[in-house]
């Protein structure tokens, strides 16, 4: 039973990060639009990274990002938690520390009780507090269906920025959270997912990537991205392109949420998975006979997903061990980085 008595999923056809524009359309739209000349801009849109970074002085660079989406679950408080965790994740993917957040709210005050909005905001504030940051304001407009998220500011040392453009041949690839959120969310909407499995998915989405960022800084990880609406392969492709390398991903090693494979095998595949598949197809080589169900799972749109890290071979296993100790119980080595070949992604 939802804490407010109002089921937010009744307002949307699809929500969470699956509501993103298709990556192929977005890349074409942004091409050449936001070129930068300011020397203090350390990370901009040119590599499609997780956040922008602007250097303030020799010791401090400002990280800025924003993210919001329609409801991904029924309960308003949990929706607020997940949307906030997702927005905060971009700062953590850059290896940064969260400072402040602003609420972004689109809400139909005459169609949904205002108590629902209060619960959404409470969930978001609790996650920002957990991240070490503070909510200092925001902006609301009338709109249906509701959408919620954050504009987030963080900081990082200019020489310790973790970007999606720094993967190097010889690195090993680590994924900190399991995938399958989009498929389990779709299964929940049509009533074919187990309650325990769905609860596991919700808890995974609510888990912050803060400890992941601390561990990356501890070991000197150079490159990372967080996995959200473009799926594991979509975000891996952006990272491989930005780094001018090829990622070799071992599909069988990618951690999956409980019941995700079963649901996908039954045909419970959201539309976003097909859009992501279309985006990566030309830049991706699959081993002959590769399992189609697993292929679609690798394209499944994630909401508040884990970090994909490119870590030095000498310490990668230690990073996985530390991730397990920090609560990322399914963190795993999922592949390696090799010199650039004719495809950016090779899936075996």
Protein backbone atom coordinates (compact mmCIF):
# COMPACT_ATOMS: atom_id res chain seq x y z
CA UNK A 1 0.00 0.00 0.00
CA UNK A 2 1.37 3.44 -0.96
CA UNK A 3 2.05 5.70 2.02
CA UNK A 4 -0.22 8.44 0.62
CA UNK A 5 -2.89 6.17 -0.79
CA UNK A 6 -2.16 7.48 -4.32
CA UNK A 7 -0.52 5.22 -6.92
CA UNK A 8 1.86 7.35 -9.00
CA UNK A 9 2.17 4.67 -11.67
CA UNK A 10 -1.46 5.37 -12.57
CA UNK A 11 -0.27 8.67 -14.12
CA UNK A 12 2.33 7.37 -16.58
CA UNK A 13 2.82 4.94 -19.44
CA UNK A 14 6.53 4.70 -18.74
CA UNK A 15 8.72 6.45 -16.20
CA UNK A 16 12.18 6.71 -14.74
CA UNK A 17 15.14 6.96 -17.09
CA UNK A 18 13.28 5.03 -19.78
CA UNK A 19 11.59 8.38 -20.50
CA UNK A 20 14.85 9.78 -21.90
CA UNK A 21 15.08 10.82 -25.52
CA UNK A 22 16.59 8.10 -27.71
CA UNK A 23 20.41 8.43 -27.61
CA UNK A 24 20.76 8.45 -31.40
CA UNK A 25 18.38 11.42 -31.69
CA UNK A 26 20.02 13.26 -28.80
CA UNK A 27 23.54 12.96 -30.23
CA UNK A 28 22.43 14.40 -33.55
CA UNK A 29 20.64 17.26 -31.82
CA UNK A 30 23.65 18.28 -29.73
CA UNK A 31 26.28 17.92 -32.44
CA UNK A 32 28.19 21.21 -32.67
CA UNK A 33 25.63 23.07 -30.59
CA UNK A 34 27.46 23.58 -27.30
CA UNK A 35 31.12 24.10 -28.22
CA UNK A 36 33.12 25.75 -25.43
CA UNK A 37 36.03 28.19 -25.49
CA UNK A 38 36.35 29.00 -21.78
CA UNK A 39 39.62 27.43 -20.52
CA UNK A 40 38.05 26.81 -17.11
CA UNK A 41 35.59 24.32 -18.62
CA UNK A 42 37.25 20.98 -17.89
CA UNK A 43 34.37 18.69 -18.97
CA UNK A 44 31.57 19.70 -21.35
CA UNK A 45 29.09 17.98 -23.64
CA UNK A 46 31.66 16.95 -26.26
CA UNK A 47 32.24 13.53 -24.67
CA UNK A 48 28.66 13.06 -23.43
CA UNK A 49 29.93 12.74 -19.87
CA UNK A 50 27.76 12.53 -16.76
CA UNK A 51 28.16 16.16 -15.64
CA UNK A 52 29.84 19.42 -16.54
CA UNK A 53 32.97 20.48 -14.65
CA UNK A 54 34.22 24.06 -14.27
CA UNK A 55 37.50 24.90 -12.54
CA UNK A 56 37.22 27.54 -9.81
CA UNK A 57 40.84 27.54 -8.61
CA UNK A 58 43.87 25.23 -8.33
CA UNK A 59 42.19 23.12 -5.66
CA UNK A 60 38.52 23.14 -6.63
CA UNK A 61 36.41 22.30 -9.65
CA UNK A 62 32.63 22.72 -9.66
CA UNK A 63 30.50 19.78 -10.88
CA UNK A 64 27.02 20.62 -12.17
CA UNK A 65 24.28 18.27 -13.32
CA UNK A 66 20.54 17.88 -13.45
CA UNK A 67 18.14 14.97 -13.89
CA UNK A 68 14.40 14.45 -13.52
CA UNK A 69 11.78 12.00 -14.78
CA UNK A 70 8.18 10.75 -14.40
CA UNK A 71 7.34 8.22 -11.65
CA UNK A 72 9.22 4.92 -11.70
CA UNK A 73 7.22 3.39 -8.82
CA UNK A 74 3.89 3.73 -7.04
CA UNK A 75 4.94 5.16 -3.69
CA UNK A 76 5.67 8.94 -3.66
CA UNK A 77 8.35 8.76 -0.97
CA UNK A 78 10.23 6.01 -2.78
CA UNK A 79 9.87 7.86 -6.07
CA UNK A 80 11.48 10.91 -4.46
CA UNK A 81 14.31 8.79 -3.10
CA UNK A 82 15.01 7.12 -6.44
CA UNK A 83 14.82 10.31 -8.49
CA UNK A 84 17.20 12.05 -6.08
CA UNK A 85 19.64 9.12 -5.97
CA UNK A 86 19.66 9.12 -9.77
CA UNK A 87 20.43 12.84 -10.03
CA UNK A 88 23.11 12.72 -7.32
CA UNK A 89 24.79 9.82 -9.12
CA UNK A 90 26.24 12.07 -11.82
CA UNK A 91 28.40 13.87 -9.25
CA UNK A 92 29.58 10.55 -7.82
CA UNK A 93 30.40 9.22 -11.29
CA UNK A 94 32.84 12.13 -11.65
CA UNK A 95 34.45 11.23 -8.32
CA UNK A 96 32.97 14.28 -6.65
CA UNK A 97 31.37 15.33 -3.38
CA UNK A 98 27.80 16.68 -3.31
CA UNK A 99 27.32 20.20 -1.97
CA UNK A 100 23.82 21.46 -2.79
CA UNK A 101 20.68 20.45 -4.64
CA UNK A 102 17.65 22.27 -6.03
CA UNK A 103 14.31 20.52 -6.42
CA UNK A 104 12.82 20.36 -9.92
CA UNK A 105 9.06 19.75 -9.69
CA UNK A 106 6.35 19.43 -12.33
CA UNK A 107 3.13 18.60 -10.52
CA UNK A 108 -0.64 18.80 -11.19
CA UNK A 109 -1.88 20.29 -7.93
CA UNK A 110 -5.57 20.08 -8.94
CA UNK A 111 -5.41 16.42 -9.96
CA UNK A 112 -3.20 14.81 -7.31
CA UNK A 113 -3.31 15.54 -3.55
CA UNK A 114 -0.56 17.89 -2.40
CA UNK A 115 0.32 15.36 0.29
CA UNK A 116 1.77 13.27 -2.54
CA UNK A 117 4.14 16.08 -3.49
CA UNK A 118 5.20 16.50 0.13
CA UNK A 119 6.14 12.82 0.26
CA UNK A 120 8.10 13.07 -3.00
CA UNK A 121 10.06 16.04 -1.66
CA UNK A 122 10.64 14.30 1.67
CA UNK A 123 12.09 11.28 -0.11
CA UNK A 124 14.37 13.47 -2.20
CA UNK A 125 15.55 15.48 0.79
CA UNK A 126 16.37 12.34 2.75
CA UNK A 127 18.61 11.09 -0.07
CA UNK A 128 20.34 14.45 -0.46
CA UNK A 129 21.01 14.46 3.29
CA UNK A 130 22.38 10.92 3.04
CA UNK A 131 24.68 12.06 0.24
CA UNK A 132 26.25 14.71 2.48
CA UNK A 133 24.59 17.60 0.66
CA UNK A 134 21.73 19.97 1.40
CA UNK A 135 18.58 21.04 -0.45
CA UNK A 136 18.57 24.83 -0.72
CA UNK A 137 15.53 25.54 -2.89
CA UNK A 138 13.93 24.64 -6.17
CA UNK A 139 11.24 25.43 -8.71
CA UNK A 140 7.73 24.08 -9.30
CA UNK A 141 5.31 24.33 -12.21
CA UNK A 142 1.90 22.83 -12.96
CA UNK A 143 2.14 19.84 -15.28
CA UNK A 144 0.73 16.37 -15.83
CA UNK A 145 1.98 13.71 -15.37
CA UNK A 146 4.25 14.63 -12.44
CA UNK A 147 8.01 14.75 -12.82
CA UNK A 148 10.64 15.19 -10.14
CA UNK A 149 14.40 15.48 -9.92
CA UNK A 150 17.27 17.67 -8.84
CA UNK A 151 19.82 20.17 -10.08
CA UNK A 152 22.98 19.23 -8.19
CA UNK A 153 26.27 21.00 -7.50
CA UNK A 154 29.37 19.22 -6.25
CA UNK A 155 33.11 19.66 -6.07
CA UNK A 156 36.20 17.67 -6.97
CA UNK A 157 39.92 18.40 -7.14
CA UNK A 158 40.77 19.40 -10.73
CA UNK A 159 43.42 16.68 -10.92
CA UNK A 160 41.14 13.97 -9.52
CA UNK A 161 38.21 14.25 -11.93
CA UNK A 162 36.95 10.86 -13.09
CA UNK A 163 35.65 11.11 -16.66
CA UNK A 164 34.21 8.81 -19.27
CA UNK A 165 37.12 9.69 -21.59
CA UNK A 166 40.01 8.25 -19.57
CA UNK A 167 39.71 4.47 -20.03
CA UNK A 168 42.97 2.89 -21.17
CA UNK A 169 43.83 -0.38 -22.84
CA UNK A 170 44.72 -2.95 -20.20
CA UNK A 171 42.12 -1.69 -17.70
CA UNK A 172 39.45 -4.03 -16.38
CA UNK A 173 35.77 -3.13 -16.35
CA UNK A 174 33.78 -3.21 -13.12
CA UNK A 175 30.02 -2.80 -12.67
CA UNK A 176 28.90 -1.87 -9.16
CA UNK A 177 25.15 -2.68 -9.37
CA UNK A 178 23.11 -5.37 -11.16
CA UNK A 179 21.00 -4.51 -14.20
CA UNK A 180 17.38 -5.30 -15.09
CA UNK A 181 15.54 -2.40 -13.45
CA UNK A 182 13.59 -1.47 -16.58
CA UNK A 183 12.43 -5.02 -17.16
CA UNK A 184 11.37 -5.55 -13.54
CA UNK A 185 9.53 -2.23 -13.54
CA UNK A 186 7.65 -3.30 -16.67
CA UNK A 187 6.90 -6.66 -15.06
CA UNK A 188 5.51 -4.91 -12.01
CA UNK A 189 3.13 -2.83 -14.14
CA UNK A 190 1.55 -5.95 -15.63
CA UNK A 191 1.65 -7.95 -12.40
CA UNK A 192 4.08 -10.74 -13.34
CA UNK A 193 7.06 -9.96 -11.08
CA UNK A 194 7.51 -11.41 -7.61
CA UNK A 195 7.17 -8.99 -4.70
CA UNK A 196 10.59 -9.88 -3.29
CA UNK A 197 12.33 -9.41 -6.65
CA UNK A 198 10.60 -6.08 -7.24
CA UNK A 199 11.54 -4.88 -3.75
CA UNK A 200 15.15 -5.80 -4.51
CA UNK A 201 14.99 -3.63 -7.64
CA UNK A 202 13.58 -0.67 -5.70
CA UNK A 203 16.27 -0.98 -3.04
CA UNK A 204 18.96 -1.11 -5.72
CA UNK A 205 17.66 2.11 -7.29
CA UNK A 206 17.60 3.83 -3.90
CA UNK A 207 21.22 2.88 -3.14
CA UNK A 208 23.53 5.88 -3.55
CA UNK A 209 26.74 5.66 -5.58
CA UNK A 210 28.49 7.76 -2.94
CA UNK A 211 30.59 4.90 -1.56
CA UNK A 212 31.46 3.91 -5.09
CA UNK A 213 32.89 7.38 -5.68
CA UNK A 214 34.94 7.21 -2.48
CA UNK A 215 36.33 3.82 -3.47
CA UNK A 216 37.25 5.06 -6.95
CA UNK A 217 39.16 7.96 -5.44
CA UNK A 218 40.80 5.65 -2.91
CA UNK A 219 42.27 3.49 -5.69
CA UNK A 220 42.86 6.21 -8.28
CA UNK A 221 40.32 4.96 -10.81
CA UNK A 222 40.63 7.14 -13.92
CA UNK A 223 37.42 6.53 -15.83
CA UNK A 224 33.78 5.79 -15.02
CA UNK A 225 30.19 6.52 -15.92
CA UNK A 226 26.87 5.73 -14.29
CA UNK A 227 24.41 3.42 -16.01
CA UNK A 228 20.99 4.95 -16.58
CA UNK A 229 18.54 5.32 -19.45
CA UNK A 230 20.80 4.23 -22.32
CA UNK A 231 21.44 0.85 -20.72
CA UNK A 232 24.76 -0.81 -19.97
CA UNK A 233 25.75 -1.02 -23.63
CA UNK A 234 24.63 2.51 -24.46
CA UNK A 235 26.69 4.08 -21.70
CA UNK A 236 29.61 1.73 -22.34
CA UNK A 237 29.57 2.84 -25.97
CA UNK A 238 29.72 6.50 -25.01
CA UNK A 239 32.63 5.76 -22.67
CA UNK A 240 34.55 3.70 -25.24
CA UNK A 241 34.03 6.37 -27.91
CA UNK A 242 35.17 9.17 -25.61
CA UNK A 243 38.26 7.17 -24.63
CA UNK A 244 38.99 5.94 -28.20
CA UNK A 245 39.26 2.31 -27.10
CA UNK A 246 37.24 -0.89 -27.39
CA UNK A 247 35.40 -2.44 -24.48
CA UNK A 248 35.30 -6.24 -24.42
CA UNK A 249 32.34 -7.17 -22.19
CA UNK A 250 31.72 -10.68 -20.90
CA UNK A 251 27.95 -10.91 -20.99
CA UNK A 252 27.72 -13.89 -18.64
CA UNK A 253 29.61 -11.96 -15.93
CA UNK A 254 27.23 -8.98 -15.87
CA UNK A 255 25.22 -9.13 -12.61
CA UNK A 256 21.45 -9.34 -13.03
CA UNK A 257 18.61 -8.55 -10.67
CA UNK A 258 16.56 -11.55 -9.51
CA UNK A 259 13.89 -12.56 -12.07
CA UNK A 260 15.23 -10.12 -14.68
CA UNK A 261 16.35 -12.84 -17.07
CA UNK A 262 13.13 -14.84 -16.62
CA UNK A 263 10.95 -11.83 -17.38
CA UNK A 264 13.03 -10.82 -20.39
CA UNK A 265 12.93 -14.37 -21.70
CA UNK A 266 9.12 -14.25 -21.44
CA UNK A 267 9.11 -11.16 -23.66
CA UNK A 268 8.76 -8.50 -20.97
CA UNK A 269 10.95 -6.01 -22.85
CA UNK A 270 10.27 -2.25 -22.55
CA UNK A 271 10.47 -0.08 -25.64
CA UNK A 272 13.56 1.73 -24.33
CA UNK A 273 15.54 -1.51 -24.60
CA UNK A 274 14.84 -1.65 -28.34
CA UNK A 275 15.79 2.03 -28.79
CA UNK A 276 19.06 1.37 -26.99
CA UNK A 277 19.68 -1.74 -29.09
CA UNK A 278 19.21 0.32 -32.25
CA UNK A 279 21.69 2.91 -30.95
CA UNK A 280 24.51 0.46 -30.19
CA UNK A 281 23.97 -2.03 -33.04
CA UNK A 282 26.37 -0.50 -35.56
CA UNK A 283 29.20 -0.05 -33.07
CA UNK A 284 28.82 -3.41 -31.33
CA UNK A 285 29.98 -6.92 -32.23
CA UNK A 286 28.30 -9.87 -30.51
CA UNK A 287 29.80 -13.34 -30.34
CA UNK A 288 28.02 -15.63 -32.83
CA UNK A 289 25.09 -17.33 -31.11
CA UNK A 290 24.99 -14.79 -28.28
CA UNK A 291 21.88 -15.21 -26.12
CA UNK A 292 19.21 -12.78 -27.41
CA UNK A 293 17.59 -12.46 -23.98
CA UNK A 294 20.90 -11.44 -22.41
CA UNK A 295 21.52 -9.05 -25.29
CA UNK A 296 18.29 -7.23 -24.52
CA UNK A 297 19.11 -7.14 -20.82
CA UNK A 298 22.38 -5.42 -21.67
CA UNK A 299 20.30 -2.79 -23.52
CA UNK A 300 17.69 -2.44 -20.76
CA UNK A 301 17.23 1.16 -19.58
CA UNK A 302 18.35 1.53 -15.98
CA UNK A 303 17.18 4.08 -13.45
CA UNK A 304 19.68 5.08 -10.75
CA UNK A 305 21.99 2.30 -11.92
CA UNK A 306 25.48 1.46 -10.85
CA UNK A 307 28.91 2.76 -11.84
CA UNK A 308 30.80 1.26 -14.76
CA UNK A 309 34.46 1.71 -13.84
CA UNK A 310 37.60 1.28 -15.91
CA UNK A 311 40.17 0.30 -13.30
CA UNK A 312 43.86 -0.57 -13.52
CA UNK A 313 44.44 -4.29 -13.84
CA UNK A 314 46.73 -4.38 -10.79
CA UNK A 315 44.04 -3.23 -8.36
CA UNK A 316 40.72 -4.04 -10.05
CA UNK A 317 40.00 -7.11 -7.91
CA UNK A 318 40.65 -5.06 -4.78
CA UNK A 319 38.12 -2.48 -5.97
CA UNK A 320 35.50 -5.20 -6.35
CA UNK A 321 36.26 -6.49 -2.85
CA UNK A 322 35.90 -2.99 -1.40
CA UNK A 323 32.63 -2.49 -3.25
CA UNK A 324 31.28 -5.69 -1.68
CA UNK A 325 32.33 -4.45 1.75
CA UNK A 326 30.59 -1.11 1.08
CA UNK A 327 27.24 -2.75 0.33
CA UNK A 328 27.36 -3.30 -3.43
CA UNK A 329 26.87 -7.03 -3.01
CA UNK A 330 26.67 -7.88 -6.73
CA UNK A 331 29.59 -5.74 -7.93
CA UNK A 332 31.60 -7.71 -10.48
CA UNK A 333 34.37 -7.66 -13.06
CA UNK A 334 32.57 -7.63 -16.41
CA UNK A 335 35.28 -7.22 -19.03
CA UNK A 336 38.40 -5.41 -20.12
CA UNK A 337 39.58 -2.49 -22.20
CA UNK A 338 41.59 -3.24 -25.35
CA UNK A 339 43.11 -1.06 -28.10
CA UNK A 340 40.56 0.35 -30.53
CA UNK A 341 39.34 -2.11 -33.16
CA UNK A 342 36.69 -1.78 -35.86
CA UNK A 343 33.96 -1.85 -33.19
CA UNK A 344 33.80 0.09 -29.93
CA UNK A 345 32.07 -2.79 -28.13
CA UNK A 346 32.75 -6.52 -28.36
CA UNK A 347 30.34 -8.70 -26.41
CA UNK A 348 31.40 -12.29 -25.76
